[in-house]
Amino acid sequence: MIRWFVMTLIICPLLLPQSRAADWRQFRGNFTDSVAVGQSLPTELSQSVVIWQSALPGRGLSGPIIVGDQVVITASSGYYDDRLHIISLDAATGLQVWERRFQATGRTSTHPTMCVATPTPASDGERIYAFYSSNDLVCTDMEGNLQWYRGLGEEFPNASNSLGMSSSPIVIGATVIAQAESEAESFVIGVETSSGETKWILDRPRKSNWSSPTVLPTEGGRSALALLQSAAGLTAVDPDTGTILWSYQDEASRIPSSTVSDGMIIMPSSSNGLTILQPSTDGTSYTLIRSARNARPARPSPLVADGKIYSVNSSGVLSAASFDTGKRLWQMRLDGQFSSTPLASNGHLFFFSESGMATVVRPTEETGTIVSQLDLTEKIQCSPAVANHALYIRSDAHLWKFAKRD
């Protein structure tokens, strides 16, 4: 029997994650593309633009999300890494607003480089949805009051692997979508945001997968679709019903996630580099456009900005390819190795290496130029977030806010 626990039922209007442009509500932003539009971020990184630095408990690879004046982050702690944290900080001061702790119900063993708090949480502006490697899906309101709790690790006990799970949830309309894929058992679930009840479940290819769902905007009155990536390819799903609208069946990467830009889907592939698909305006079909074989990302997801596709390989080499042709334009080596997906904002690219080196690059048609660097001296594996002209990044131990000072 499916076990789910509804603590409190709240009825509210259906909200899309894109509804407040000032927020950053899920992994890689509201549109899951790592592009911050209309933000004036500091490009000369130094301690002088660090507004605050807040200590965090336990461990965490999850990125921060920003909803209104709250910065929300997850963490895990305890000898077995089975204590789950949701923490809210005041965006202006970095002081803790509230913290909630829960006990994991699923498997908590992971590789030493990972932890249970690897997936980035999501929000629809009314609630927070925190997902963990233990496949626990927790919903609180914006004051931290528990709304419902799904112990998906108990419902799907074989959906795990020895390295740990890292897929981040997304919210589209009244559905929160969580993806968990492994060699033994794989599923993706659509959960009603207000009640925690299951709306639909899809079986997925039995292959370990660490990529996250992507939002595919559509036209013609249809709500945005969810793109599910796996070793078998890419699938477009109606978030309300779980109906599969189309599937592109070719090998896809299992760590970096797909990106949508200018109506095109950029899917990372271990064999083809990047595969570019053009979905129909209503999202019910697609056309294969081209491959960019010389732009093969390692762990960071591809980034599209100003007509270029940016990818970072396992050696820390940044490649820029033409969005129109797929042809490589230039390459440059960055310091270190990268798990964090880069950020694009106002003509600049922001990178955070695993060793904690923050690098700002100004790209041109011919090359990229390093504008500034700042060594944060702590291991960083999460992706950054941006809201209200401020940049947020976290390590296991700290969360930083960068912004220009008056």
Protein backbone atom coordinates (compact mmCIF):
# COMPACT_ATOMS: atom_id res chain seq x y z
CA MET A 1 0.00 0.00 0.00
CA ILE A 2 1.26 3.46 -0.83
CA ARG A 3 2.14 5.28 2.37
CA TRP A 4 1.66 8.99 2.43
CA PHE A 5 0.95 11.39 5.21
CA VAL A 6 -1.11 14.53 4.87
CA MET A 7 -0.49 16.79 7.84
CA THR A 8 -2.46 19.83 6.71
CA LEU A 9 -4.51 20.50 3.59
CA ILE A 10 -4.30 23.95 2.07
CA ILE A 11 -6.40 25.03 -0.89
CA CYS A 12 -4.87 27.84 -2.94
CA PRO A 13 -4.71 29.04 -6.53
CA LEU A 14 -2.46 27.10 -8.88
CA LEU A 15 0.87 28.84 -9.31
CA LEU A 16 3.64 28.39 -11.82
CA PRO A 17 7.24 28.69 -10.62
CA GLN A 18 7.71 31.50 -13.14
CA SER A 19 5.04 33.72 -11.59
CA ARG A 20 7.48 36.02 -9.71
CA ALA A 21 10.46 37.11 -11.75
CA ALA A 22 12.34 38.30 -8.65
CA ASP A 23 12.42 34.77 -7.22
CA TRP A 24 14.70 31.83 -8.00
CA ARG A 25 12.43 28.94 -7.14
CA GLN A 26 14.16 25.75 -8.23
CA PHE A 27 17.33 24.12 -9.57
CA ARG A 28 18.85 26.37 -12.29
CA GLY A 29 16.10 28.98 -11.78
CA ASN A 30 12.42 29.32 -12.58
CA PHE A 31 12.91 28.15 -16.17
CA THR A 32 15.68 25.63 -15.28
CA ASP A 33 18.09 27.40 -17.66
CA SER A 34 20.63 29.09 -15.30
CA VAL A 35 20.04 32.50 -16.93
CA ALA A 36 19.38 35.53 -14.71
CA VAL A 37 17.71 38.26 -16.77
CA GLY A 38 17.74 41.92 -15.73
CA GLN A 39 20.10 41.39 -12.79
CA SER A 40 22.97 43.72 -11.94
CA LEU A 41 25.47 41.40 -10.29
CA PRO A 42 28.98 42.29 -9.14
CA THR A 43 31.53 41.09 -11.68
CA GLU A 44 34.60 42.14 -9.69
CA LEU A 45 34.42 39.44 -7.04
CA SER A 46 36.17 40.18 -3.77
CA GLN A 47 35.42 40.14 -0.06
CA SER A 48 34.08 43.68 -0.46
CA VAL A 49 30.99 42.39 -2.29
CA VAL A 50 30.28 39.60 0.21
CA ILE A 51 27.16 40.94 1.93
CA TRP A 52 27.01 38.06 4.40
CA GLN A 53 28.33 34.57 5.03
CA SER A 54 26.12 32.24 7.09
CA ALA A 55 27.15 28.96 8.71
CA LEU A 56 25.17 25.83 7.79
CA PRO A 57 24.74 22.56 9.70
CA GLY A 58 25.85 19.15 8.49
CA ARG A 59 26.43 18.72 4.77
CA GLY A 60 24.69 19.80 1.60
CA LEU A 61 25.24 19.84 -2.15
CA SER A 62 21.81 21.33 -2.82
CA GLY A 63 21.60 24.85 -4.19
CA PRO A 64 19.68 27.69 -2.54
CA ILE A 65 16.31 28.93 -3.74
CA ILE A 66 14.95 32.42 -3.11
CA VAL A 67 11.26 33.16 -2.52
CA GLY A 68 10.41 36.71 -1.54
CA ASP A 69 12.70 37.69 1.32
CA GLN A 70 13.62 34.10 2.22
CA VAL A 71 16.63 32.07 1.10
CA VAL A 72 15.84 28.37 1.56
CA ILE A 73 18.47 25.63 1.67
CA THR A 74 18.55 21.96 2.68
CA ALA A 75 21.18 20.01 4.61
CA SER A 76 21.68 16.59 6.17
CA SER A 77 23.47 15.59 9.34
CA GLY A 78 23.90 12.81 11.87
CA TYR A 79 26.14 9.76 12.05
CA TYR A 80 24.10 8.03 9.34
CA ASP A 81 23.39 11.29 7.48
CA ASP A 82 19.72 10.61 8.19
CA ARG A 83 18.70 13.92 9.79
CA LEU A 84 17.08 16.10 7.13
CA HIS A 85 17.13 19.90 7.44
CA ILE A 86 15.16 22.66 5.73
CA ILE A 87 16.57 26.06 6.64
CA SER A 88 15.21 29.53 5.89
CA LEU A 89 17.49 32.56 6.05
CA ASP A 90 16.60 36.22 5.80
CA ALA A 91 17.85 37.42 2.39
CA ALA A 92 18.85 40.83 3.74
CA THR A 93 20.83 39.74 6.80
CA GLY A 94 21.62 36.03 6.38
CA LEU A 95 20.12 35.34 9.82
CA GLN A 96 18.09 32.17 10.30
CA VAL A 97 14.32 32.68 10.12
CA TRP A 98 13.35 29.07 10.86
CA GLU A 99 14.65 25.52 10.62
CA ARG A 100 12.80 22.19 10.41
CA ARG A 101 14.32 18.75 10.94
CA PHE A 102 13.01 15.38 9.85
CA GLN A 103 14.13 11.77 10.02
CA ALA A 104 14.93 10.05 6.73
CA THR A 105 12.82 6.98 5.95
CA GLY A 106 14.86 5.71 2.99
CA ARG A 107 18.43 4.69 2.29
CA THR A 108 21.03 7.27 3.35
CA SER A 109 24.33 5.69 2.26
CA THR A 110 26.13 7.71 -0.43
CA HIS A 111 29.57 8.13 -1.94
CA PRO A 112 31.80 10.35 0.26
CA THR A 113 31.65 13.12 -2.35
CA MET A 114 27.86 13.23 -2.05
CA CYS A 115 25.35 13.41 0.80
CA VAL A 116 21.63 12.96 1.41
CA ALA A 117 20.95 16.69 0.87
CA THR A 118 22.06 16.73 -2.76
CA PRO A 119 18.84 17.65 -4.64
CA THR A 120 17.94 21.35 -4.71
CA PRO A 121 14.48 22.16 -3.24
CA ALA A 122 11.68 23.82 -5.21
CA SER A 123 8.85 26.23 -4.43
CA ASP A 124 5.65 27.55 -5.99
CA GLY A 125 5.65 30.65 -3.79
CA GLU A 126 3.18 29.11 -1.31
CA ARG A 127 5.08 26.00 -0.25
CA ILE A 128 8.56 24.49 -0.23
CA TYR A 129 9.22 21.01 -1.63
CA ALA A 130 12.43 19.42 -0.37
CA PHE A 131 13.68 16.16 -1.91
CA TYR A 132 16.56 14.09 -0.61
CA SER A 133 18.79 11.22 -1.74
CA SER A 134 16.79 9.02 0.65
CA ASN A 135 13.79 9.69 -1.65
CA ASP A 136 11.97 11.54 1.11
CA LEU A 137 9.78 14.32 -0.32
CA VAL A 138 8.83 16.93 2.28
CA CYS A 139 6.43 19.85 1.91
CA THR A 140 6.25 22.83 4.26
CA ASP A 141 4.56 26.19 3.99
CA MET A 142 6.65 29.36 3.84
CA GLU A 143 6.71 29.53 7.65
CA GLY A 144 8.17 26.03 7.88
CA ASN A 145 4.97 24.29 9.01
CA LEU A 146 4.82 20.70 7.74
CA GLN A 147 2.07 20.20 5.15
CA TRP A 148 2.73 16.62 4.04
CA TYR A 149 5.51 14.02 3.91
CA ARG A 150 6.07 11.28 1.34
CA GLY A 151 8.49 8.51 2.29
CA LEU A 152 9.13 7.43 -1.29
CA GLY A 153 12.07 5.35 -0.09
CA GLU A 154 9.57 3.09 1.65
CA GLU A 155 7.21 3.03 -1.32
CA PHE A 156 10.04 2.25 -3.77
CA PRO A 157 12.72 0.53 -1.63
CA ASN A 158 14.91 -0.53 -4.56
CA ALA A 159 15.14 2.90 -6.19
CA SER A 160 18.61 3.72 -4.89
CA ASN A 161 22.28 3.22 -5.64
CA SER A 162 25.55 3.14 -3.72
CA LEU A 163 26.61 6.61 -4.92
CA GLY A 164 23.44 8.44 -3.89
CA MET A 165 20.60 10.17 -5.72
CA SER A 166 20.77 13.79 -6.88
CA SER A 167 17.78 14.59 -9.13
CA SER A 168 16.13 17.88 -8.10
CA PRO A 169 12.33 18.26 -8.19
CA ILE A 170 10.48 20.83 -10.28
CA VAL A 171 7.06 22.42 -9.85
CA ILE A 172 4.70 23.05 -12.78
CA GLY A 173 1.24 24.32 -11.91
CA ALA A 174 -0.27 22.12 -9.21
CA THR A 175 2.24 19.30 -9.65
CA VAL A 176 5.61 18.70 -8.05
CA ILE A 177 7.65 16.20 -10.09
CA ALA A 178 10.36 14.02 -8.52
CA GLN A 179 12.57 11.63 -10.47
CA ALA A 180 14.43 8.64 -8.98
CA GLU A 181 16.20 6.20 -11.30
CA SER A 182 18.53 3.31 -10.52
CA GLU A 183 19.62 -0.07 -11.84
CA ALA A 184 17.05 -1.94 -9.72
CA GLU A 185 13.98 0.30 -9.75
CA SER A 186 13.19 3.59 -11.49
CA PHE A 187 10.21 5.91 -11.37
CA VAL A 188 9.08 9.50 -11.75
CA ILE A 189 6.14 10.71 -9.71
CA GLY A 190 3.76 13.64 -10.07
CA VAL A 191 2.40 14.76 -6.69
CA GLU A 192 -0.45 17.17 -5.97
CA THR A 193 1.16 20.27 -4.46
CA SER A 194 -1.55 20.99 -1.87
CA SER A 195 -2.25 17.49 -0.55
CA GLY A 196 0.78 15.34 -1.34
CA GLU A 197 -1.40 12.77 -3.08
CA THR A 198 -0.10 10.90 -6.11
CA LYS A 199 -1.42 12.23 -9.42
CA TRP A 200 0.57 9.80 -11.58
CA ILE A 201 3.60 7.50 -11.60
CA LEU A 202 5.68 6.47 -14.61
CA ASP A 203 8.09 3.57 -14.79
CA ARG A 204 11.49 4.67 -16.05
CA PRO A 205 14.51 2.92 -17.61
CA ARG A 206 16.41 0.86 -15.04
CA LYS A 207 19.70 2.69 -15.21
CA SER A 208 21.35 4.91 -12.62
CA ASN A 209 20.58 8.53 -13.45
CA TRP A 210 21.48 11.78 -11.68
CA SER A 211 19.95 14.30 -14.11
CA SER A 212 16.98 16.50 -13.15
CA PRO A 213 13.68 17.28 -14.90
CA THR A 214 13.56 20.40 -17.09
CA VAL A 215 10.69 22.85 -17.70
CA LEU A 216 9.57 23.09 -21.35
CA PRO A 217 7.44 26.23 -21.91
CA THR A 218 4.66 25.90 -24.51
CA GLU A 219 2.21 28.14 -26.34
CA GLY A 220 -1.47 27.95 -27.21
CA GLY A 221 -2.83 27.76 -23.68
CA ARG A 222 -1.14 24.49 -22.75
CA SER A 223 0.76 24.52 -19.47
CA ALA A 224 4.50 23.98 -19.50
CA LEU A 225 5.66 20.39 -19.91
CA ALA A 226 8.24 18.38 -17.99
CA LEU A 227 11.26 16.98 -19.83
CA LEU A 228 12.58 13.74 -18.31
CA GLN A 229 16.09 12.72 -19.29
CA SER A 230 17.64 9.26 -18.95
CA ALA A 231 20.17 6.99 -20.62
CA ALA A 232 17.40 6.04 -23.08
CA GLY A 233 16.80 9.61 -24.24
CA LEU A 234 14.36 12.45 -23.53
CA THR A 235 10.62 12.30 -22.81
CA ALA A 236 8.07 15.14 -22.73
CA VAL A 237 5.33 14.63 -20.12
CA ASP A 238 2.12 16.48 -19.30
CA PRO A 239 2.60 17.51 -15.64
CA ASP A 240 -1.11 17.24 -14.79
CA THR A 241 -1.76 13.74 -16.09
CA GLY A 242 1.62 12.10 -16.64
CA THR A 243 0.73 11.56 -20.31
CA ILE A 244 3.80 11.02 -22.48
CA LEU A 245 3.54 13.35 -25.48
CA TRP A 246 6.74 12.31 -27.24
CA SER A 247 10.05 10.54 -26.68
CA TYR A 248 13.39 11.09 -28.36
CA GLN A 249 15.13 7.75 -28.12
CA ASP A 250 18.86 8.22 -28.30
CA GLU A 251 21.53 8.06 -25.63
CA ALA A 252 21.52 10.99 -23.24
CA SER A 253 23.88 11.89 -20.42
CA ARG A 254 22.99 10.79 -16.91
CA ILE A 255 24.47 13.68 -14.91
CA PRO A 256 24.10 17.05 -16.72
CA SER A 257 20.48 17.99 -17.48
CA SER A 258 18.83 19.34 -20.61
CA THR A 259 18.35 23.08 -21.12
CA VAL A 260 15.64 24.95 -23.04
CA SER A 261 16.47 28.23 -24.80
CA ASP A 262 14.67 30.22 -27.51
CA GLY A 263 12.24 27.36 -28.08
CA MET A 264 15.02 24.79 -28.53
CA ILE A 265 16.01 21.86 -26.31
CA ILE A 266 19.73 21.27 -25.76
CA MET A 267 20.18 17.71 -24.54
CA PRO A 268 23.63 16.56 -23.33
CA SER A 269 24.71 13.23 -24.78
CA SER A 270 27.71 11.08 -23.88
CA SER A 271 28.13 10.09 -27.55
CA ASN A 272 26.88 13.11 -29.53
CA GLY A 273 28.06 15.96 -27.33
CA LEU A 274 24.92 18.10 -27.43
CA THR A 275 21.76 17.18 -29.32
CA ILE A 276 19.44 20.05 -30.29
CA LEU A 277 15.71 19.40 -30.68
CA GLN A 278 12.98 21.82 -31.69
CA PRO A 279 9.62 21.05 -30.05
CA SER A 280 6.38 22.13 -31.65
CA THR A 281 4.76 25.21 -30.12
CA ASP A 282 2.21 23.08 -28.28
CA GLY A 283 4.88 20.61 -27.17
CA THR A 284 3.25 17.55 -28.72
CA SER A 285 6.06 16.71 -31.17
CA TYR A 286 9.68 17.56 -31.96
CA THR A 287 12.17 17.88 -34.81
CA LEU A 288 15.81 16.83 -34.59
CA ILE A 289 17.90 19.84 -35.62
CA ARG A 290 21.60 19.02 -35.17
CA SER A 291 24.34 17.81 -32.87
CA ALA A 292 27.26 19.77 -31.46
CA ARG A 293 29.81 17.01 -30.99
CA ASN A 294 32.63 19.31 -29.88
CA ALA A 295 30.65 20.62 -26.90
CA ARG A 296 30.37 17.67 -24.54
CA PRO A 297 29.69 18.66 -20.92
CA ALA A 298 30.90 16.59 -17.97
CA ARG A 299 28.86 17.27 -14.80
CA PRO A 300 27.64 20.86 -15.29
CA SER A 301 24.54 21.24 -17.45
CA PRO A 302 24.89 23.18 -20.72
CA LEU A 303 24.23 26.90 -20.64
CA VAL A 304 22.85 29.03 -23.51
CA ALA A 305 23.30 32.80 -23.58
CA ASP A 306 23.62 35.46 -26.29
CA GLY A 307 23.59 32.98 -29.15
CA LYS A 308 26.22 30.62 -27.72
CA ILE A 309 26.13 27.25 -26.02
CA TYR A 310 28.59 26.91 -23.16
CA SER A 311 29.78 23.60 -21.75
CA VAL A 312 32.51 22.56 -19.30
CA ASN A 313 34.30 19.23 -19.73
CA SER A 314 35.95 16.98 -17.14
CA SER A 315 39.26 18.85 -17.46
CA GLY A 316 37.73 22.23 -16.65
CA VAL A 317 37.84 23.42 -20.26
CA LEU A 318 35.07 25.87 -21.18
CA SER A 319 33.82 25.54 -24.77
CA ALA A 320 31.67 28.07 -26.61
CA ALA A 321 29.71 26.84 -29.63
CA SER A 322 27.38 28.66 -32.01
CA PHE A 323 23.74 28.09 -31.09
CA ASP A 324 22.77 28.37 -34.77
CA THR A 325 25.33 25.98 -36.27
CA GLY A 326 26.75 23.94 -33.38
CA LYS A 327 30.28 24.88 -34.51
CA ARG A 328 32.85 25.44 -31.78
CA LEU A 329 33.88 29.11 -31.57
CA TRP A 330 36.57 29.03 -28.87
CA GLN A 331 37.86 27.27 -25.77
CA MET A 332 39.57 28.35 -22.55
CA ARG A 333 40.80 26.52 -19.49
CA LEU A 334 39.35 27.38 -16.10
CA ASP A 335 40.92 26.66 -12.71
CA GLY A 336 39.85 23.30 -11.27
CA GLN A 337 37.11 20.77 -11.90
CA PHE A 338 33.40 21.56 -11.87
CA SER A 339 30.13 20.03 -10.68
CA SER A 340 28.29 23.35 -10.46
CA THR A 341 26.35 24.51 -13.53
CA PRO A 342 27.53 28.01 -14.55
CA LEU A 343 25.31 31.06 -14.49
CA ALA A 344 24.77 33.68 -17.21
CA SER A 345 23.75 37.22 -16.35
CA ASN A 346 24.14 40.59 -18.08
CA GLY A 347 26.85 39.52 -20.53
CA HIS A 348 28.95 37.61 -17.99
CA LEU A 349 29.38 33.98 -16.96
CA PHE A 350 29.85 32.88 -13.34
CA PHE A 351 31.67 29.66 -12.47
CA PHE A 352 32.32 27.92 -9.15
CA SER A 353 34.86 25.09 -9.06
CA GLU A 354 34.82 22.16 -6.69
CA SER A 355 37.82 23.63 -4.87
CA GLY A 356 35.86 26.84 -4.20
CA MET A 357 37.32 29.14 -6.87
CA ALA A 358 34.73 31.66 -8.11
CA THR A 359 35.48 32.93 -11.63
CA VAL A 360 33.72 35.59 -13.71
CA VAL A 361 34.22 35.37 -17.49
CA ARG A 362 33.26 37.97 -20.10
CA PRO A 363 32.69 36.12 -23.42
CA THR A 364 33.06 37.58 -26.91
CA GLU A 365 32.79 36.06 -30.38
CA GLU A 366 36.48 35.18 -30.40
CA THR A 367 37.35 34.26 -26.82
CA GLY A 368 36.55 34.52 -23.15
CA THR A 369 38.31 36.84 -20.71
CA ILE A 370 38.59 36.27 -16.98
CA VAL A 371 37.29 39.41 -15.26
CA SER A 372 37.87 38.40 -11.64
CA GLN A 373 38.42 35.46 -9.33
CA LEU A 374 37.85 34.85 -5.63
CA ASP A 375 38.96 31.75 -3.73
CA LEU A 376 36.26 30.79 -1.22
CA THR A 377 38.54 27.95 0.05
CA GLU A 378 35.64 25.53 0.57
CA LYS A 379 34.35 22.71 -1.62
CA ILE A 380 31.44 23.80 -3.82
CA GLN A 381 29.31 21.39 -5.85
CA CYS A 382 25.95 23.15 -5.98
CA SER A 383 24.72 25.58 -8.65
CA PRO A 384 24.29 29.29 -7.83
CA ALA A 385 21.05 31.23 -7.48
CA VAL A 386 20.19 34.86 -8.26
CA ALA A 387 17.43 37.18 -7.06
CA ASN A 388 17.06 40.93 -6.57
CA HIS A 389 20.54 41.70 -7.98
CA ALA A 390 22.26 39.31 -5.57
CA LEU A 391 24.18 36.07 -6.19
CA TYR A 392 24.00 33.15 -3.74
CA ILE A 393 26.28 30.11 -3.53
CA ARG A 394 26.82 27.46 -0.83
CA SER A 395 29.42 24.97 0.35
CA ASP A 396 28.90 22.28 2.96
CA ALA A 397 29.71 24.77 5.69
CA HIS A 398 28.49 28.17 4.47
CA LEU A 399 26.07 30.12 2.31
CA TRP A 400 27.34 33.36 0.72
CA LYS A 401 25.50 36.36 -0.66
CA PHE A 402 27.29 38.59 -3.19
CA ALA A 403 25.91 41.96 -4.28
CA LYS A 404 27.05 45.43 -5.22
CA ARG A 405 27.21 47.81 -2.27
CA ASP A 406 25.59 51.22 -2.44
